[in-house]
């Protein structure tokens, strides 16, 4: 039995929704929130998934997941609702497979115009090598 590995789930939300829901668009912040949670609990994030409306039984979720040893984490149920086609079906599948699913539960960051602009630049210029800093 090895160390607990964490799969961090973030929502793949179109850039067009940045003004309406910046946190769902800002996958980097979602993954960072999951990484902080994992570190606080003594775990390591082994995989980061960026998905939208993914089925609960999709191979991308379950590839290499060890029952009783690995877990899924997402920033919130709201992120899971965007990332997965059915949170209830996913949760039931986790129970069936013996894999925990957790949510961080911290407040989402508040986005001002500057933060939204940084997210926009990072996501709109990825092929130019811009990393959003």
N, C-alpha and C. Protein backbone atom coordinates (compact mmCIF):
# COMPACT_ATOMS: atom_id res chain seq x y z
N UNK A 1 0.84 -1.18 0.00
CA UNK A 1 0.00 0.00 0.00
C UNK A 1 0.89 1.24 0.00
N UNK A 2 0.73 2.08 -1.01
CA UNK A 2 1.53 3.29 -1.13
C UNK A 2 0.85 4.49 -0.53
N UNK A 3 1.46 5.66 -0.70
CA UNK A 3 0.87 6.88 -0.17
C UNK A 3 -0.42 7.23 -0.91
N UNK A 4 -1.25 8.01 -0.24
CA UNK A 4 -2.49 8.46 -0.85
C UNK A 4 -2.15 9.40 -2.00
N UNK A 5 -2.74 9.13 -3.15
CA UNK A 5 -2.58 10.02 -4.30
C UNK A 5 -3.90 10.74 -4.52
N UNK A 6 -3.79 12.00 -4.82
CA UNK A 6 -4.96 12.83 -5.00
C UNK A 6 -5.12 13.17 -6.48
N UNK A 7 -6.34 13.04 -6.97
CA UNK A 7 -6.70 13.54 -8.29
C UNK A 7 -7.52 14.80 -8.09
N UNK A 8 -6.98 15.93 -8.54
CA UNK A 8 -7.66 17.21 -8.42
C UNK A 8 -8.53 17.43 -9.65
N UNK A 9 -9.79 17.74 -9.41
CA UNK A 9 -10.74 17.96 -10.50
C UNK A 9 -11.05 19.45 -10.60
N UNK A 10 -10.88 20.00 -11.80
CA UNK A 10 -11.24 21.39 -12.08
C UNK A 10 -12.20 21.42 -13.26
N UNK A 11 -12.93 22.51 -13.34
CA UNK A 11 -13.92 22.66 -14.40
C UNK A 11 -13.32 23.35 -15.61
N UNK A 12 -13.56 22.77 -16.77
CA UNK A 12 -13.18 23.39 -18.04
C UNK A 12 -14.36 24.25 -18.48
N UNK A 13 -14.24 25.54 -18.26
CA UNK A 13 -15.32 26.47 -18.56
C UNK A 13 -14.83 27.46 -19.60
N UNK A 14 -15.64 27.73 -20.61
CA UNK A 14 -15.20 28.62 -21.70
C UNK A 14 -14.83 30.02 -21.22
N UNK A 15 -13.83 30.57 -21.86
CA UNK A 15 -13.36 31.92 -21.55
C UNK A 15 -14.48 32.95 -21.67
N UNK A 16 -15.44 32.70 -22.53
CA UNK A 16 -16.56 33.63 -22.71
C UNK A 16 -17.36 33.84 -21.43
N UNK A 17 -17.23 32.94 -20.46
CA UNK A 17 -17.96 33.06 -19.20
C UNK A 17 -17.16 33.75 -18.11
N UNK A 18 -16.02 34.32 -18.47
CA UNK A 18 -15.13 34.95 -17.48
C UNK A 18 -15.84 36.03 -16.66
N UNK A 19 -16.58 36.91 -17.30
CA UNK A 19 -17.26 37.98 -16.55
C UNK A 19 -18.34 37.44 -15.62
N UNK A 20 -19.04 36.40 -16.05
CA UNK A 20 -20.14 35.85 -15.26
C UNK A 20 -19.68 34.94 -14.13
N UNK A 21 -18.61 34.18 -14.36
CA UNK A 21 -18.18 33.19 -13.37
C UNK A 21 -16.66 32.98 -13.45
N UNK A 22 -15.88 33.95 -13.00
CA UNK A 22 -14.43 33.87 -13.18
C UNK A 22 -13.77 32.67 -12.52
N UNK A 23 -14.26 32.23 -11.36
CA UNK A 23 -13.62 31.10 -10.71
C UNK A 23 -13.75 29.82 -11.52
N UNK A 24 -14.91 29.60 -12.13
CA UNK A 24 -15.06 28.40 -12.95
C UNK A 24 -14.18 28.44 -14.19
N UNK A 25 -13.88 29.62 -14.68
CA UNK A 25 -12.99 29.77 -15.84
C UNK A 25 -11.53 29.61 -15.41
N UNK A 26 -11.20 30.03 -14.21
CA UNK A 26 -9.82 30.05 -13.72
C UNK A 26 -9.41 28.68 -13.16
N UNK A 27 -9.13 27.76 -14.06
CA UNK A 27 -8.77 26.40 -13.64
C UNK A 27 -7.47 26.37 -12.84
N UNK A 28 -6.57 27.31 -13.11
CA UNK A 28 -5.31 27.36 -12.35
C UNK A 28 -5.60 27.59 -10.86
N UNK A 29 -6.51 28.50 -10.56
CA UNK A 29 -6.87 28.75 -9.15
C UNK A 29 -7.60 27.55 -8.54
N UNK A 30 -8.41 26.88 -9.34
CA UNK A 30 -9.10 25.69 -8.84
C UNK A 30 -8.09 24.61 -8.46
N UNK A 31 -7.12 24.36 -9.36
CA UNK A 31 -6.11 23.35 -9.06
C UNK A 31 -5.23 23.77 -7.88
N UNK A 32 -4.91 25.04 -7.77
CA UNK A 32 -4.10 25.53 -6.66
C UNK A 32 -4.83 25.32 -5.33
N UNK A 33 -6.13 25.55 -5.32
CA UNK A 33 -6.92 25.33 -4.12
C UNK A 33 -6.87 23.85 -3.71
N UNK A 34 -6.96 22.97 -4.69
CA UNK A 34 -6.88 21.53 -4.42
C UNK A 34 -5.49 21.14 -3.91
N UNK A 35 -4.46 21.72 -4.49
CA UNK A 35 -3.09 21.41 -4.06
C UNK A 35 -2.85 21.86 -2.62
N UNK A 36 -3.37 23.03 -2.26
CA UNK A 36 -3.23 23.50 -0.86
C UNK A 36 -3.95 22.55 0.09
N UNK A 37 -5.15 22.13 -0.30
CA UNK A 37 -5.90 21.19 0.54
C UNK A 37 -5.11 19.90 0.72
N UNK A 38 -4.59 19.37 -0.38
CA UNK A 38 -3.82 18.13 -0.31
C UNK A 38 -2.61 18.28 0.61
N UNK A 39 -1.87 19.36 0.47
CA UNK A 39 -0.69 19.58 1.31
C UNK A 39 -1.07 19.70 2.78
N UNK A 40 -2.17 20.38 3.06
CA UNK A 40 -2.63 20.52 4.45
C UNK A 40 -2.98 19.17 5.07
N UNK A 41 -3.35 18.20 4.25
CA UNK A 41 -3.73 16.88 4.73
C UNK A 41 -2.61 15.85 4.56
N UNK A 42 -1.44 16.30 4.14
CA UNK A 42 -0.30 15.40 3.99
C UNK A 42 -0.34 14.55 2.75
N UNK A 43 -1.08 14.98 1.73
CA UNK A 43 -1.21 14.23 0.49
C UNK A 43 -0.46 14.94 -0.64
N UNK A 44 -0.34 14.24 -1.74
CA UNK A 44 0.30 14.77 -2.94
C UNK A 44 -0.70 14.70 -4.09
N UNK A 45 -0.81 15.77 -4.85
CA UNK A 45 -1.65 15.74 -6.06
C UNK A 45 -0.88 14.98 -7.13
N UNK A 46 -1.42 13.86 -7.54
CA UNK A 46 -0.77 13.02 -8.54
C UNK A 46 -1.28 13.32 -9.95
N UNK A 47 -2.54 13.76 -10.03
CA UNK A 47 -3.14 14.07 -11.34
C UNK A 47 -4.01 15.30 -11.21
N UNK A 48 -4.05 16.06 -12.29
CA UNK A 48 -4.96 17.19 -12.39
C UNK A 48 -5.84 16.97 -13.60
N UNK A 49 -7.14 16.96 -13.37
CA UNK A 49 -8.09 16.81 -14.46
C UNK A 49 -8.77 18.14 -14.71
N UNK A 50 -8.93 18.46 -15.97
CA UNK A 50 -9.63 19.67 -16.39
C UNK A 50 -10.73 19.20 -17.34
N UNK A 51 -11.96 19.14 -16.84
CA UNK A 51 -13.04 18.50 -17.59
C UNK A 51 -14.32 19.31 -17.52
N UNK A 52 -15.19 19.02 -18.46
CA UNK A 52 -16.52 19.65 -18.48
C UNK A 52 -17.56 18.59 -18.82
N UNK A 53 -18.51 18.43 -17.90
CA UNK A 53 -19.65 17.51 -18.10
C UNK A 53 -19.21 16.08 -18.39
N UNK A 54 -18.12 15.64 -17.77
CA UNK A 54 -17.59 14.30 -17.99
C UNK A 54 -18.47 13.27 -17.29
N UNK A 55 -18.69 12.15 -17.97
CA UNK A 55 -19.49 11.07 -17.39
C UNK A 55 -18.76 10.46 -16.18
N UNK A 56 -19.54 10.01 -15.22
CA UNK A 56 -19.00 9.46 -13.98
C UNK A 56 -18.17 8.20 -14.17
N UNK A 57 -18.36 7.51 -15.28
CA UNK A 57 -17.65 6.26 -15.50
C UNK A 57 -16.58 6.37 -16.59
N UNK A 58 -16.25 7.59 -16.97
CA UNK A 58 -15.26 7.80 -18.04
C UNK A 58 -13.88 7.32 -17.58
N UNK A 59 -13.15 6.69 -18.49
CA UNK A 59 -11.82 6.15 -18.18
C UNK A 59 -10.86 7.22 -17.69
N UNK A 60 -11.00 8.46 -18.15
CA UNK A 60 -10.10 9.54 -17.72
C UNK A 60 -10.16 9.74 -16.21
N UNK A 61 -11.30 9.51 -15.61
CA UNK A 61 -11.42 9.63 -14.15
C UNK A 61 -10.74 8.49 -13.42
N UNK A 62 -10.87 7.31 -13.93
CA UNK A 62 -10.52 6.11 -13.17
C UNK A 62 -9.19 5.49 -13.54
N UNK A 63 -8.49 6.01 -14.50
CA UNK A 63 -7.21 5.44 -14.94
C UNK A 63 -6.20 5.42 -13.79
N UNK A 64 -5.84 4.24 -13.34
CA UNK A 64 -4.83 4.07 -12.30
C UNK A 64 -5.29 4.35 -10.88
N UNK A 65 -6.56 4.64 -10.68
CA UNK A 65 -7.07 4.92 -9.33
C UNK A 65 -7.14 3.63 -8.53
N UNK A 66 -6.55 3.68 -7.33
CA UNK A 66 -6.48 2.51 -6.46
C UNK A 66 -7.55 2.60 -5.37
N UNK A 67 -8.48 1.65 -5.32
CA UNK A 67 -9.52 1.67 -4.29
C UNK A 67 -8.92 1.71 -2.89
N UNK A 68 -9.48 2.57 -2.05
CA UNK A 68 -9.03 2.67 -0.66
C UNK A 68 -7.72 3.42 -0.47
N UNK A 69 -7.05 3.76 -1.55
CA UNK A 69 -5.76 4.43 -1.43
C UNK A 69 -5.72 5.81 -2.07
N UNK A 70 -6.55 6.04 -3.06
CA UNK A 70 -6.56 7.31 -3.78
C UNK A 70 -7.85 8.05 -3.48
N UNK A 71 -7.84 9.35 -3.76
CA UNK A 71 -9.05 10.12 -3.58
C UNK A 71 -9.13 11.24 -4.61
N UNK A 72 -10.35 11.71 -4.81
CA UNK A 72 -10.61 12.84 -5.68
C UNK A 72 -10.88 14.05 -4.80
N UNK A 73 -10.43 15.22 -5.26
CA UNK A 73 -10.75 16.46 -4.56
C UNK A 73 -11.09 17.53 -5.59
N UNK A 74 -12.06 18.35 -5.24
CA UNK A 74 -12.46 19.49 -6.06
C UNK A 74 -12.66 20.68 -5.13
N UNK A 75 -12.54 21.88 -5.65
CA UNK A 75 -12.71 23.05 -4.77
C UNK A 75 -14.08 23.12 -4.10
N UNK A 76 -15.13 22.69 -4.82
CA UNK A 76 -16.48 22.80 -4.28
C UNK A 76 -17.42 21.88 -5.06
N UNK A 77 -18.58 21.70 -4.51
CA UNK A 77 -19.60 20.94 -5.24
C UNK A 77 -19.95 21.66 -6.54
N UNK A 78 -19.96 22.98 -6.52
CA UNK A 78 -20.28 23.77 -7.71
C UNK A 78 -19.32 23.46 -8.85
N UNK A 79 -18.04 23.30 -8.53
CA UNK A 79 -17.05 22.94 -9.55
C UNK A 79 -17.34 21.52 -10.06
N UNK A 80 -17.64 20.61 -9.15
CA UNK A 80 -17.98 19.25 -9.57
C UNK A 80 -19.21 19.23 -10.48
N UNK A 81 -20.19 20.08 -10.18
CA UNK A 81 -21.40 20.13 -11.00
C UNK A 81 -21.10 20.60 -12.42
N UNK A 82 -20.09 21.43 -12.58
CA UNK A 82 -19.69 21.89 -13.91
C UNK A 82 -18.79 20.86 -14.60
N UNK A 83 -17.93 20.23 -13.83
CA UNK A 83 -16.94 19.30 -14.38
C UNK A 83 -17.53 17.94 -14.76
N UNK A 84 -18.55 17.52 -14.04
CA UNK A 84 -19.10 16.18 -14.23
C UNK A 84 -20.54 16.24 -14.72
N UNK A 85 -20.95 15.22 -15.45
CA UNK A 85 -22.33 15.20 -15.95
C UNK A 85 -23.32 14.97 -14.81
N UNK A 86 -22.92 14.25 -13.77
CA UNK A 86 -23.79 14.01 -12.61
C UNK A 86 -22.92 13.78 -11.38
N UNK A 87 -22.99 14.72 -10.45
CA UNK A 87 -22.22 14.57 -9.21
C UNK A 87 -22.75 13.39 -8.41
N UNK A 88 -24.05 13.21 -8.38
CA UNK A 88 -24.62 12.09 -7.63
C UNK A 88 -24.17 10.74 -8.19
N UNK A 89 -24.17 10.61 -9.52
CA UNK A 89 -23.69 9.36 -10.12
C UNK A 89 -22.20 9.16 -9.85
N UNK A 90 -21.42 10.23 -9.90
CA UNK A 90 -19.98 10.13 -9.63
C UNK A 90 -19.74 9.72 -8.17
N UNK A 91 -20.47 10.34 -7.26
CA UNK A 91 -20.32 10.01 -5.84
C UNK A 91 -20.69 8.54 -5.60
N UNK A 92 -21.75 8.09 -6.23
CA UNK A 92 -22.14 6.68 -6.09
C UNK A 92 -21.07 5.76 -6.67
N UNK A 93 -20.48 6.15 -7.79
CA UNK A 93 -19.41 5.35 -8.39
C UNK A 93 -18.18 5.31 -7.48
N UNK A 94 -17.88 6.43 -6.82
CA UNK A 94 -16.77 6.46 -5.87
C UNK A 94 -17.02 5.49 -4.72
N UNK A 95 -18.23 5.49 -4.19
CA UNK A 95 -18.59 4.56 -3.12
C UNK A 95 -18.44 3.12 -3.61
N UNK A 96 -18.96 2.85 -4.78
CA UNK A 96 -18.90 1.49 -5.35
C UNK A 96 -17.46 1.03 -5.52
N UNK A 97 -16.58 1.94 -5.92
CA UNK A 97 -15.17 1.59 -6.17
C UNK A 97 -14.28 1.75 -4.94
N UNK A 98 -14.82 2.25 -3.85
CA UNK A 98 -14.03 2.41 -2.63
C UNK A 98 -13.03 3.55 -2.70
N UNK A 99 -13.44 4.64 -3.32
CA UNK A 99 -12.57 5.81 -3.49
C UNK A 99 -13.27 7.03 -2.87
N UNK A 100 -12.54 7.75 -2.04
CA UNK A 100 -13.11 8.95 -1.42
C UNK A 100 -13.19 10.10 -2.41
N UNK A 101 -14.16 10.97 -2.19
CA UNK A 101 -14.25 12.23 -2.92
C UNK A 101 -14.46 13.33 -1.87
N UNK A 102 -13.67 14.37 -1.98
CA UNK A 102 -13.69 15.47 -1.01
C UNK A 102 -13.85 16.79 -1.75
N UNK A 103 -14.37 17.77 -1.05
CA UNK A 103 -14.36 19.14 -1.55
C UNK A 103 -13.58 19.99 -0.56
N UNK A 104 -12.87 20.97 -1.09
CA UNK A 104 -12.02 21.83 -0.25
C UNK A 104 -12.87 22.63 0.72
N UNK A 105 -13.91 23.26 0.22
CA UNK A 105 -14.81 23.99 1.10
C UNK A 105 -14.37 25.39 1.48
N UNK A 106 -13.28 25.89 0.94
CA UNK A 106 -12.86 27.27 1.22
C UNK A 106 -13.64 28.22 0.32
N UNK A 107 -13.71 29.46 0.74
CA UNK A 107 -14.39 30.47 -0.09
C UNK A 107 -13.63 30.68 -1.39
N UNK A 108 -14.38 30.89 -2.45
CA UNK A 108 -13.77 31.19 -3.74
C UNK A 108 -13.16 32.59 -3.69
N UNK A 109 -12.08 32.81 -4.43
CA UNK A 109 -11.50 34.15 -4.46
C UNK A 109 -12.46 35.15 -5.09
N UNK A 110 -12.32 36.38 -4.70
CA UNK A 110 -13.11 37.45 -5.30
C UNK A 110 -12.27 38.06 -6.42
N UNK A 111 -12.84 38.17 -7.59
CA UNK A 111 -12.10 38.62 -8.77
C UNK A 111 -12.40 40.09 -9.06
N UNK A 112 -11.34 40.87 -9.14
CA UNK A 112 -11.49 42.25 -9.60
C UNK A 112 -11.12 42.29 -11.09
N UNK A 113 -11.19 43.47 -11.68
CA UNK A 113 -10.92 43.61 -13.12
C UNK A 113 -9.51 43.17 -13.47
N UNK A 114 -8.53 43.48 -12.62
CA UNK A 114 -7.14 43.10 -12.89
C UNK A 114 -6.97 41.59 -12.89
N UNK A 115 -7.58 40.91 -11.92
CA UNK A 115 -7.47 39.45 -11.86
C UNK A 115 -8.15 38.80 -13.08
N UNK A 116 -9.29 39.33 -13.47
CA UNK A 116 -9.96 38.80 -14.66
C UNK A 116 -9.10 39.01 -15.90
N UNK A 117 -8.45 40.17 -15.97
CA UNK A 117 -7.58 40.44 -17.13
C UNK A 117 -6.42 39.46 -17.18
N UNK A 118 -5.86 39.11 -16.03
CA UNK A 118 -4.76 38.13 -15.99
C UNK A 118 -5.23 36.76 -16.46
N UNK A 119 -6.40 36.35 -16.01
CA UNK A 119 -6.96 35.07 -16.44
C UNK A 119 -7.20 35.10 -17.95
N UNK A 120 -7.76 36.19 -18.43
CA UNK A 120 -8.04 36.33 -19.85
C UNK A 120 -6.76 36.23 -20.68
N UNK A 121 -5.73 36.95 -20.28
CA UNK A 121 -4.46 36.90 -21.01
C UNK A 121 -3.88 35.49 -21.02
N UNK A 122 -3.87 34.85 -19.86
CA UNK A 122 -3.29 33.51 -19.76
C UNK A 122 -4.02 32.52 -20.66
N UNK A 123 -5.34 32.60 -20.69
CA UNK A 123 -6.11 31.63 -21.46
C UNK A 123 -6.23 31.98 -22.94
N UNK A 124 -6.08 33.24 -23.26
CA UNK A 124 -6.24 33.61 -24.67
C UNK A 124 -4.92 33.60 -25.44
N UNK A 125 -3.79 33.46 -24.73
CA UNK A 125 -2.50 33.46 -25.42
C UNK A 125 -1.62 32.27 -25.06
N UNK A 126 -2.19 31.07 -24.89
CA UNK A 126 -1.35 29.94 -24.45
C UNK A 126 -0.30 29.53 -25.47
N UNK A 127 -0.58 29.68 -26.74
CA UNK A 127 0.39 29.25 -27.73
C UNK A 127 1.54 30.24 -27.89
N UNK A 128 1.39 31.42 -27.34
CA UNK A 128 2.45 32.41 -27.38
C UNK A 128 3.44 32.23 -26.23
N UNK A 129 3.19 31.25 -25.38
CA UNK A 129 4.08 30.98 -24.26
C UNK A 129 3.81 31.83 -23.04
N UNK A 130 2.75 32.61 -23.04
CA UNK A 130 2.42 33.44 -21.90
C UNK A 130 1.83 32.59 -20.80
N UNK A 131 2.34 32.70 -19.58
CA UNK A 131 1.86 31.85 -18.50
C UNK A 131 0.99 32.58 -17.48
N UNK A 132 0.62 33.82 -17.75
CA UNK A 132 -0.31 34.53 -16.89
C UNK A 132 0.31 35.31 -15.76
N UNK A 133 1.59 35.39 -15.72
CA UNK A 133 2.23 36.14 -14.62
C UNK A 133 2.51 37.55 -15.02
